[in-house]
C-alpha atoms as a PDB file:
ATOM      1  CA  MET A   1      -2.854  17.096 -59.366  1.00  0.00           C
ATOM      2  CA  LYS A   2      -0.323  14.841 -57.539  1.00  0.00           C
ATOM      3  CA  ILE A   3      -3.035  12.262 -56.950  1.00  0.00           C
ATOM      4  CA  VAL A   4      -3.916  12.234 -60.640  1.00  0.00           C
ATOM      5  CA  VAL A   5      -0.244  11.839 -61.610  1.00  0.00           C
ATOM      6  CA  ALA A   6       0.175   8.990 -59.115  1.00  0.00           C
ATOM      7  CA  VAL A   7      -2.880   7.201 -60.468  1.00  0.00           C
ATOM      8  CA  LEU A   8      -1.598   7.595 -64.014  1.00  0.00           C
ATOM      9  CA  LEU A   9       1.792   6.211 -63.022  1.00  0.00           C
ATOM     10  CA  LEU A  10       0.237   3.223 -61.288  1.00  0.00           C
ATOM     11  CA  SER A  11      -1.935   2.476 -64.277  1.00  0.00           C
ATOM     12  CA  MET A  12       1.086   2.719 -66.587  1.00  0.00           C
ATOM     13  CA  PHE A  13       3.078   0.268 -64.461  1.00  0.00           C
ATOM     14  CA  ALA A  14       0.138  -2.118 -64.154  1.00  0.00           C
ATOM     15  CA  SER A  15      -0.269  -2.025 -67.916  1.00  0.00           C
ATOM     16  CA  CYS A  16       3.469  -2.437 -68.410  1.00  0.00           C
ATOM     17  CA  THR A  17       3.875  -5.429 -66.122  1.00  0.00           C
ATOM     18  CA  SER A  18       0.741  -7.162 -67.316  1.00  0.00           C
ATOM     19  CA  LYS A  19       1.333  -6.984 -71.059  1.00  0.00           C
ATOM     20  CA  LYS A  20       3.481 -10.012 -71.749  1.00  0.00           C
ATOM     21  CA  ALA A  21       3.158  -9.279 -75.443  1.00  0.00           C
ATOM     22  CA  ASP A  22       5.043  -6.013 -74.947  1.00  0.00           C
ATOM     23  CA  GLU A  23       7.822  -7.844 -73.095  1.00  0.00           C
ATOM     24  CA  GLU A  24       8.069 -10.466 -75.794  1.00  0.00           C
ATOM     25  CA  GLY A  25       7.974  -7.734 -78.399  1.00  0.00           C
ATOM     26  CA  ALA A  26      10.859  -5.982 -76.720  1.00  0.00           C
ATOM     27  CA  ARG A  27      12.871  -9.194 -76.728  1.00  0.00           C
ATOM     28  CA  GLN A  28      12.065  -9.912 -80.353  1.00  0.00           C
ATOM     29  CA  HIS A  29      12.520  -6.371 -81.653  1.00  0.00           C
ATOM     30  CA  ALA A  30      15.990  -4.975 -81.233  1.00  0.00           C
ATOM     31  CA  THR A  31      16.212  -1.401 -80.011  1.00  0.00           C
ATOM     32  CA  ASP A  32      16.406   0.982 -82.972  1.00  0.00           C
ATOM     33  CA  THR A  33      20.023   0.941 -84.153  1.00  0.00           C
ATOM     34  CA  ARG A  34      20.390   4.717 -84.020  1.00  0.00           C
ATOM     35  CA  VAL A  35      18.897   4.938 -80.535  1.00  0.00           C
ATOM     36  CA  LEU A  36      21.036   2.055 -79.301  1.00  0.00           C
ATOM     37  CA  GLU A  37      24.151   3.767 -80.628  1.00  0.00           C
ATOM     38  CA  GLU A  38      23.200   7.004 -78.877  1.00  0.00           C
ATOM     39  CA  LEU A  39      22.723   5.206 -75.570  1.00  0.00           C
ATOM     40  CA  GLN A  40      26.255   3.783 -75.515  1.00  0.00           C
ATOM     41  CA  GLY A  41      28.417   5.201 -72.733  1.00  0.00           C
ATOM     42  CA  VAL A  42      28.416   6.077 -69.041  1.00  0.00           C
ATOM     43  CA  TRP A  43      25.301   7.723 -67.608  1.00  0.00           C
ATOM     44  CA  LEU A  44      25.423  10.114 -64.629  1.00  0.00           C
ATOM     45  CA  ASP A  45      22.746  11.228 -62.174  1.00  0.00           C
ATOM     46  CA  ASP A  46      21.664  14.806 -62.919  1.00  0.00           C
ATOM     47  CA  ASN A  47      21.564  15.692 -59.224  1.00  0.00           C
ATOM     48  CA  THR A  48      24.694  14.042 -57.865  1.00  0.00           C
ATOM     49  CA  GLU A  49      26.885  13.586 -60.972  1.00  0.00           C
ATOM     50  CA  ALA A  50      27.487  10.047 -59.710  1.00  0.00           C
ATOM     51  CA  PRO A  51      27.747   7.300 -62.351  1.00  0.00           C
ATOM     52  CA  LEU A  52      24.750   4.938 -62.276  1.00  0.00           C
ATOM     53  CA  PHE A  53      25.566   2.611 -65.119  1.00  0.00           C
ATOM     54  CA  LYS A  54      27.322   2.087 -68.419  1.00  0.00           C
ATOM     55  CA  ILE A  55      25.541   0.896 -71.538  1.00  0.00           C
ATOM     56  CA  GLU A  56      27.603  -1.297 -73.796  1.00  0.00           C
ATOM     57  CA  GLY A  57      25.886  -3.136 -76.608  1.00  0.00           C
ATOM     58  CA  ASP A  58      22.476  -4.238 -75.361  1.00  0.00           C
ATOM     59  CA  SER A  59      23.606  -4.595 -71.730  1.00  0.00           C
ATOM     60  CA  ILE A  60      23.626  -2.318 -68.694  1.00  0.00           C
ATOM     61  CA  TYR A  61      26.601  -2.496 -66.334  1.00  0.00           C
ATOM     62  CA  TYR A  62      25.907  -0.922 -62.964  1.00  0.00           C
ATOM     63  CA  ALA A  63      28.397   1.013 -60.875  1.00  0.00           C
ATOM     64  CA  GLY A  64      27.818  -1.298 -57.896  1.00  0.00           C
ATOM     65  CA  GLN A  65      30.468  -4.013 -57.919  1.00  0.00           C
ATOM     66  CA  ASN A  66      28.057  -6.677 -56.663  1.00  0.00           C
ATOM     67  CA  ASN A  67      25.427  -6.012 -59.329  1.00  0.00           C
ATOM     68  CA  VAL A  68      25.018  -8.380 -62.268  1.00  0.00           C
ATOM     69  CA  PRO A  69      24.904  -6.855 -65.788  1.00  0.00           C
ATOM     70  CA  GLN A  70      21.425  -6.918 -67.298  1.00  0.00           C
ATOM     71  CA  GLN A  71      20.115  -6.889 -70.853  1.00  0.00           C
ATOM     72  CA  PHE A  72      17.734  -4.143 -71.869  1.00  0.00           C
ATOM     73  CA  ALA A  73      15.519  -3.004 -74.726  1.00  0.00           C
ATOM     74  CA  LEU A  74      13.907   0.358 -75.501  1.00  0.00           C
ATOM     75  CA  PHE A  75      10.582  -0.311 -77.154  1.00  0.00           C
ATOM     76  CA  ASN A  76       7.300   1.645 -77.379  1.00  0.00           C
ATOM     77  CA  ASP A  77       8.627   4.451 -75.122  1.00  0.00           C
ATOM     78  CA  THR A  78       9.397   1.890 -72.410  1.00  0.00           C
ATOM     79  CA  LEU A  79      12.759   0.782 -71.075  1.00  0.00           C
ATOM     80  CA  PHE A  80      12.668  -2.974 -70.393  1.00  0.00           C
ATOM     81  CA  ILE A  81      15.316  -4.404 -68.054  1.00  0.00           C
ATOM     82  CA  TYR A  82      15.738  -8.186 -68.093  1.00  0.00           C
ATOM     83  CA  GLY A  83      17.123  -9.590 -64.850  1.00  0.00           C
ATOM     84  CA  VAL A  84      15.801 -12.076 -62.326  1.00  0.00           C
ATOM     85  CA  GLN A  85      12.623 -10.063 -62.789  1.00  0.00           C
ATOM     86  CA  THR A  86      11.588  -8.103 -65.873  1.00  0.00           C
ATOM     87  CA  VAL A  87      11.069  -4.455 -64.933  1.00  0.00           C
ATOM     88  CA  CYS A  88       9.799  -1.741 -67.229  1.00  0.00           C
ATOM     89  CA  TYR A  89      10.285   2.014 -66.900  1.00  0.00           C
ATOM     90  CA  PRO A  90       8.114   4.507 -68.816  1.00  0.00           C
ATOM     91  CA  VAL A  91      10.505   6.820 -70.664  1.00  0.00           C
ATOM     92  CA  ARG A  92       9.687  10.538 -70.534  1.00  0.00           C
ATOM     93  CA  ARG A  93      12.653  11.813 -72.507  1.00  0.00           C
ATOM     94  CA  CYS A  94      15.386  10.153 -74.509  1.00  0.00           C
ATOM     95  CA  THR A  95      18.027  12.002 -76.501  1.00  0.00           C
ATOM     96  CA  GLU A  96      21.643  11.392 -77.370  1.00  0.00           C
ATOM     97  CA  HIS A  97      22.743  13.101 -74.153  1.00  0.00           C
ATOM     98  CA  SER A  98      19.890  12.644 -71.668  1.00  0.00           C
ATOM     99  CA  ILE A  99      17.278  10.149 -70.578  1.00  0.00           C
ATOM    100  CA  HIS A 100      14.439  10.537 -68.083  1.00  0.00           C
ATOM    101  CA  PHE A 101      12.325   7.636 -66.888  1.00  0.00           C
ATOM    102  CA  ALA A 102      10.039   6.760 -63.963  1.00  0.00           C
ATOM    103  CA  THR A 103      10.726   3.951 -61.492  1.00  0.00           C
ATOM    104  CA  PRO A 104       8.091   1.511 -60.198  1.00  0.00           C
ATOM    105  CA  GLN A 105       8.128   3.567 -56.977  1.00  0.00           C
ATOM    106  CA  GLY A 106       6.994   6.636 -58.908  1.00  0.00           C
ATOM    107  CA  ASP A 107      10.322   8.510 -58.755  1.00  0.00           C
ATOM    108  CA  LEU A 108      11.717  10.259 -61.809  1.00  0.00           C
ATOM    109  CA  VAL A 109      15.291   9.320 -62.702  1.00  0.00           C
ATOM    110  CA  SER A 110      17.106  11.982 -64.749  1.00  0.00           C
ATOM    111  CA  LEU A 111      20.435  11.057 -66.292  1.00  0.00           C
ATOM    112  CA  HIS A 112      22.915  12.623 -68.667  1.00  0.00           C
ATOM    113  CA  LYS A 113      25.759  11.038 -70.558  1.00  0.00           C
ATOM    114  CA  SER A 114      29.304  11.565 -69.362  1.00  0.00           C
ATOM    115  CA  GLU A 115      31.462  13.474 -71.809  1.00  0.00           C
ATOM    116  CA  VAL A 116      34.432  11.247 -71.035  1.00  0.00           C
ATOM    117  CA  ASP A 117      34.728   7.489 -70.612  1.00  0.00           C
ATOM    118  CA  SER A 118      37.154   7.846 -67.717  1.00  0.00           C
ATOM    119  CA  VAL A 119      34.222   7.797 -65.285  1.00  0.00           C
ATOM    120  CA  TYR A 120      34.626   4.486 -63.480  1.00  0.00           C
ATOM    121  CA  VAL A 121      32.087   1.902 -64.565  1.00  0.00           C
ATOM    122  CA  ASP A 122      33.988  -1.137 -65.776  1.00  0.00           C
ATOM    123  CA  SER A 123      31.951  -3.358 -68.085  1.00  0.00           C
ATOM    124  CA  GLN A 124      34.789  -5.883 -68.205  1.00  0.00           C
ATOM    125  CA  GLN A 125      35.179  -6.247 -64.467  1.00  0.00           C
ATOM    126  CA  GLU A 126      34.125  -9.591 -63.085  1.00  0.00           C
ATOM    127  CA  ILE A 127      32.168  -9.823 -59.868  1.00  0.00           C
ATOM    128  CA  HIS A 128      34.693 -11.176 -57.398  1.00  0.00           C
ATOM    129  CA  GLN A 129      33.778 -13.238 -54.394  1.00  0.00           C
ATOM    130  CA  PRO A 130      34.587 -11.389 -51.157  1.00  0.00           C
ATOM    131  CA  VAL A 131      37.624 -12.838 -49.421  1.00  0.00           C
ATOM    132  CA  GLN A 132      36.300 -14.976 -46.579  1.00  0.00           C
ATOM    133  CA  GLU A 133      37.939 -17.392 -44.199  1.00  0.00           C
ATOM    134  CA  VAL A 134      36.644 -20.813 -43.281  1.00  0.00           C
ATOM    135  CA  ILE A 135      34.673 -20.567 -40.043  1.00  0.00           C
ATOM    136  CA  GLN A 136      35.266 -23.440 -37.616  1.00  0.00           C
ATOM    137  CA  LYS A 137      32.708 -24.220 -34.914  1.00  0.00           C
ATOM    138  CA  ASP A 138      32.906 -27.043 -32.379  1.00  0.00           C
ATOM    139  CA  SER A 139      30.950 -28.245 -29.366  1.00  0.00           C
ATOM    140  CA  VAL A 140      31.533 -30.967 -26.777  1.00  0.00           C
ATOM    141  CA  ILE A 141      28.562 -33.039 -25.611  1.00  0.00           C
ATOM    142  CA  GLU A 142      28.665 -35.757 -22.947  1.00  0.00           C
ATOM    143  CA  PHE A 143      26.530 -38.888 -23.247  1.00  0.00           C
ATOM    144  CA  LYS A 144      26.696 -41.828 -20.839  1.00  0.00           C
ATOM    145  CA  GLY A 145      30.042 -40.672 -19.505  1.00  0.00           C
ATOM    146  CA  GLU A 146      31.626 -40.304 -22.954  1.00  0.00           C
ATOM    147  CA  ARG A 147      32.660 -37.028 -24.544  1.00  0.00           C
ATOM    148  CA  TYR A 148      31.766 -36.354 -28.182  1.00  0.00           C
ATOM    149  CA  ARG A 149      33.131 -33.379 -30.073  1.00  0.00           C
ATOM    150  CA  GLY A 150      31.248 -32.185 -33.142  1.00  0.00           C
ATOM    151  CA  TYR A 151      32.735 -29.825 -35.721  1.00  0.00           C
ATOM    152  CA  ALA A 152      31.216 -27.641 -38.429  1.00  0.00           C
ATOM    153  CA  TYR A 153      33.484 -26.006 -41.015  1.00  0.00           C
ATOM    154  CA  ILE A 154      31.656 -23.301 -42.964  1.00  0.00           C
ATOM    155  CA  ASN A 155      33.472 -23.076 -46.299  1.00  0.00           C
ATOM    156  CA  PRO A 156      32.804 -20.139 -48.666  1.00  0.00           C
ATOM    157  CA  THR A 157      32.342 -21.198 -52.287  1.00  0.00           C
ATOM    158  CA  GLY A 158      32.051 -19.583 -55.699  1.00  0.00           C
ATOM    159  CA  ILE A 159      28.426 -20.717 -56.037  1.00  0.00           C
ATOM    160  CA  LYS A 160      26.425 -17.601 -56.865  1.00  0.00           C
ATOM    161  CA  VAL A 161      22.943 -16.828 -55.600  1.00  0.00           C
ATOM    162  CA  ILE A 162      21.405 -13.910 -57.480  1.00  0.00           C
ATOM    163  CA  ARG A 163      18.672 -11.929 -55.748  1.00  0.00           C
ATOM    164  CA  PRO A 164      16.652  -8.982 -57.112  1.00  0.00           C
ATOM    165  CA  GLY A 165      17.033  -5.729 -55.208  1.00  0.00           C
ATOM    166  CA  ILE A 166      16.501  -1.986 -55.419  1.00  0.00           C
ATOM    167  CA  SER A 167      19.363   0.511 -55.653  1.00  0.00           C
ATOM    168  CA  GLU A 168      19.432   3.829 -53.786  1.00  0.00           C
ATOM    169  CA  GLU A 169      18.174   5.456 -56.975  1.00  0.00           C
ATOM    170  CA  GLY A 170      15.159   3.141 -57.106  1.00  0.00           C
ATOM    171  CA  LEU A 171      16.500   1.013 -59.962  1.00  0.00           C
ATOM    172  CA  SER A 172      15.921  -2.716 -60.072  1.00  0.00           C
ATOM    173  CA  VAL A 173      19.266  -4.512 -59.801  1.00  0.00           C
ATOM    174  CA  ASP A 174      20.387  -8.116 -59.391  1.00  0.00           C
ATOM    175  CA  ASN A 175      22.689  -8.600 -56.382  1.00  0.00           C
ATOM    176  CA  VAL A 176      25.181 -11.448 -56.108  1.00  0.00           C
ATOM    177  CA  PHE A 177      25.697 -13.483 -52.945  1.00  0.00           C
ATOM    178  CA  TYR A 178      27.798 -16.605 -52.420  1.00  0.00           C
ATOM    179  CA  ASP A 179      26.730 -19.917 -50.928  1.00  0.00           C
ATOM    180  CA  ASN A 180      28.618 -22.126 -48.465  1.00  0.00           C
ATOM    181  CA  VAL A 181      29.422 -25.810 -48.214  1.00  0.00           C
ATOM    182  CA  ILE A 182      29.583 -26.965 -44.598  1.00  0.00           C
ATOM    183  CA  HIS A 183      31.701 -29.927 -43.549  1.00  0.00           C
ATOM    184  CA  ILE A 184      30.487 -31.704 -40.412  1.00  0.00           C
ATOM    185  CA  CYS A 185      32.258 -34.361 -38.390  1.00  0.00           C
ATOM    186  CA  VAL A 186      32.013 -36.064 -35.006  1.00  0.00           C
ATOM    187  CA  TYR A 187      34.940 -37.358 -32.925  1.00  0.00           C
ATOM    188  CA  GLN A 188      35.253 -39.423 -29.779  1.00  0.00           C
ATOM    189  CA  GLY A 189      38.733 -38.663 -28.600  1.00  0.00           C
ATOM    190  CA  THR A 190      40.921 -39.039 -31.690  1.00  0.00           C
ATOM    191  CA  ARG A 191      38.542 -41.471 -33.379  1.00  0.00           C
ATOM    192  CA  ARG A 192      36.456 -40.013 -36.159  1.00  0.00           C
ATOM    193  CA  LEU A 193      32.914 -41.357 -36.025  1.00  0.00           C
ATOM    194  CA  TYR A 194      31.355 -39.474 -38.947  1.00  0.00           C
ATOM    195  CA  SER A 195      32.120 -36.814 -41.554  1.00  0.00           C
ATOM    196  CA  LYS A 196      30.278 -35.379 -44.557  1.00  0.00           C
ATOM    197  CA  ASP A 197      29.983 -32.257 -46.712  1.00  0.00           C
ATOM    198  CA  ILE A 198      26.537 -30.648 -46.470  1.00  0.00           C
ATOM    199  CA  LYS A 199      25.260 -28.647 -49.449  1.00  0.00           C
ATOM    200  CA  ARG A 200      22.122 -26.564 -49.907  1.00  0.00           C
ATOM    201  CA  PRO A 201      20.506 -28.769 -52.635  1.00  0.00           C
ATOM    202  CA  MET A 202      20.399 -31.659 -50.143  1.00  0.00           C
ATOM    203  CA  PHE A 203      17.426 -29.948 -48.454  1.00  0.00           C
ATOM    204  CA  ALA A 204      15.183 -30.142 -51.527  1.00  0.00           C
ATOM    205  CA  GLY A 205      11.668 -31.156 -50.555  1.00  0.00           C
ATOM    206  CA  LEU A 206      11.998 -29.814 -47.012  1.00  0.00           C
ATOM    207  CA  VAL A 207      11.570 -26.120 -47.841  1.00  0.00           C
ATOM    208  CA  PRO A 208       9.770 -24.455 -50.777  1.00  0.00           C
ATOM    209  CA  ASP A 209      11.754 -24.726 -54.025  1.00  0.00           C
ATOM    210  CA  ASP A 210      11.710 -20.959 -54.601  1.00  0.00           C
ATOM    211  CA  PHE A 211      13.196 -20.366 -51.153  1.00  0.00           C
ATOM    212  CA  LEU A 212      15.798 -23.092 -51.581  1.00  0.00           C
ATOM    213  CA  ASN A 213      16.986 -21.728 -54.924  1.00  0.00           C
ATOM    214  CA  ASN A 214      17.387 -18.193 -53.552  1.00  0.00           C
ATOM    215  CA  SER A 215      18.869 -18.938 -50.132  1.00  0.00           C
ATOM    216  CA  ILE A 216      22.309 -19.733 -48.786  1.00  0.00           C
ATOM    217  CA  LEU A 217      23.434 -22.398 -46.333  1.00  0.00           C
ATOM    218  CA  SER A 218      24.545 -19.994 -43.631  1.00  0.00           C
ATOM    219  CA  ASP A 219      25.137 -21.867 -40.377  1.00  0.00           C
ATOM    220  CA  MET A 220      25.503 -25.255 -38.674  1.00  0.00           C
ATOM    221  CA  ASN A 221      25.673 -26.372 -35.030  1.00  0.00           C
ATOM    222  CA  PHE A 222      26.348 -29.684 -33.283  1.00  0.00           C
ATOM    223  CA  ILE A 223      23.487 -29.940 -30.784  1.00  0.00           C
ATOM    224  CA  GLY A 224      23.065 -33.487 -29.494  1.00  0.00           C
ATOM    225  CA  VAL A 225      24.078 -37.101 -28.940  1.00  0.00           C
ATOM    226  CA  ASP A 226      21.742 -39.926 -27.935  1.00  0.00           C
ATOM    227  CA  ALA A 227      21.425 -43.683 -28.214  1.00  0.00           C
ATOM    228  CA  ASP A 228      20.455 -43.366 -31.885  1.00  0.00           C
ATOM    229  CA  GLY A 229      23.361 -41.184 -33.019  1.00  0.00           C
ATOM    230  CA  TYR A 230      24.325 -37.521 -33.468  1.00  0.00           C
ATOM    231  CA  VAL A 231      22.323 -34.380 -34.176  1.00  0.00           C
ATOM    232  CA  PHE A 232      23.268 -31.189 -36.035  1.00  0.00           C
ATOM    233  CA  GLU A 233      21.111 -28.190 -36.896  1.00  0.00           C
ATOM    234  CA  ALA A 234      21.539 -26.315 -40.189  1.00  0.00           C
ATOM    235  CA  THR A 235      20.255 -22.840 -41.041  1.00  0.00           C
ATOM    236  CA  LEU A 236      19.108 -21.787 -44.520  1.00  0.00           C
ATOM    237  CA  CYS A 237      18.588 -18.030 -44.910  1.00  0.00           C
ATOM    238  CA  MET A 238      17.722 -15.474 -47.529  1.00  0.00           C
ATOM    239  CA  PRO A 239      20.996 -13.548 -47.907  1.00  0.00           C
ATOM    240  CA  ASP A 240      19.247 -10.177 -48.073  1.00  0.00           C
ATOM    241  CA  GLY A 241      16.464 -10.695 -45.550  1.00  0.00           C
ATOM    242  CA  PRO A 242      15.493 -12.131 -42.157  1.00  0.00           C
ATOM    243  CA  THR A 243      13.668 -15.249 -43.409  1.00  0.00           C
ATOM    244  CA  CYS A 244      15.331 -18.523 -42.377  1.00  0.00           C
ATOM    245  CA  TYR A 245      14.575 -22.221 -41.980  1.00  0.00           C
ATOM    246  CA  ASN A 246      16.229 -24.472 -39.391  1.00  0.00           C
ATOM    247  CA  ILE A 247      16.704 -28.124 -40.299  1.00  0.00           C
ATOM    248  CA  ARG A 248      17.773 -30.963 -38.015  1.00  0.00           C
ATOM    249  CA  LEU A 249      20.323 -33.462 -39.315  1.00  0.00           C
ATOM    250  CA  PHE A 250      20.196 -36.903 -37.709  1.00  0.00           C
ATOM    251  CA  VAL A 251      23.144 -39.272 -38.146  1.00  0.00           C
ATOM    252  CA  ASP A 252      22.547 -42.819 -36.937  1.00  0.00           C
ATOM    253  CA  LEU A 253      25.270 -45.137 -35.678  1.00  0.00           C
ATOM    254  CA  ASP A 254      25.582 -46.692 -39.147  1.00  0.00           C
ATOM    255  CA  GLY A 255      26.311 -43.306 -40.700  1.00  0.00           C
ATOM    256  CA  ASN A 256      22.917 -42.831 -42.359  1.00  0.00           C
ATOM    257  CA  LEU A 257      21.861 -39.192 -42.627  1.00  0.00           C
ATOM    258  CA  THR A 258      18.252 -37.963 -42.448  1.00  0.00           C
ATOM    259  CA  PHE A 259      16.705 -34.496 -42.263  1.00  0.00           C
ATOM    260  CA  LYS A 260      13.741 -32.982 -40.467  1.00  0.00           C
ATOM    261  CA  LEU A 261      12.416 -29.429 -40.748  1.00  0.00           C
ATOM    262  CA  CYS A 262      12.190 -27.635 -37.395  1.00  0.00           C
ATOM    263  CA  GLN A 263       8.675 -26.345 -36.751  1.00  0.00           C
END
């Protein structure tokens, strides 16, 4: 019986994700006014009583403070969530006070509406950037009897990178990470030889566009001096995974900057 249920679930999800017409229909057809009104409020997990999200208007606000609000529609017994990716959940039960739906992993999520709005899910709260300090890195390299000191200042910014993820309950959520701008400079004694701000978009064409748009500029090191100039190495990483690219930055003696992907 479990095998049959699993096969049915897989077929439902395959049908759901493949029918673009259903997705477009959900976007074009507003959720029934009465149903939408009934869904307003804070929804709690049946098992833990923990708040999962708050529905306000046609948006879902998650309890996680680093999750982006997402639009939704309830159409043809399917809950469509519109984030970085469109995810659909077959709805098994939907009343004024309870909703049951299946996740893409095959788990059943059972929720009930909180009787009071004091349960903490703040739809007005902005996602705040974590407080981070500028990280300073420096290295000294000798070349032909001269000492060169290279600096990298990793500066946190408010530039958001939104990545799809899965919550502990198996719900698709959009997580927010913040990119960096890295200032590099090279000194010989007190004389500044070069300085420049390095930003992630500067590496367009070196790494796949999809990776570039979803990564953060995470690190920089001063690694060399030769007769042609100075060498740094930058690291671009997915903020929620191990995948990274290393890119060499070559600065010639005239201050021209070129890039090369490390193989």
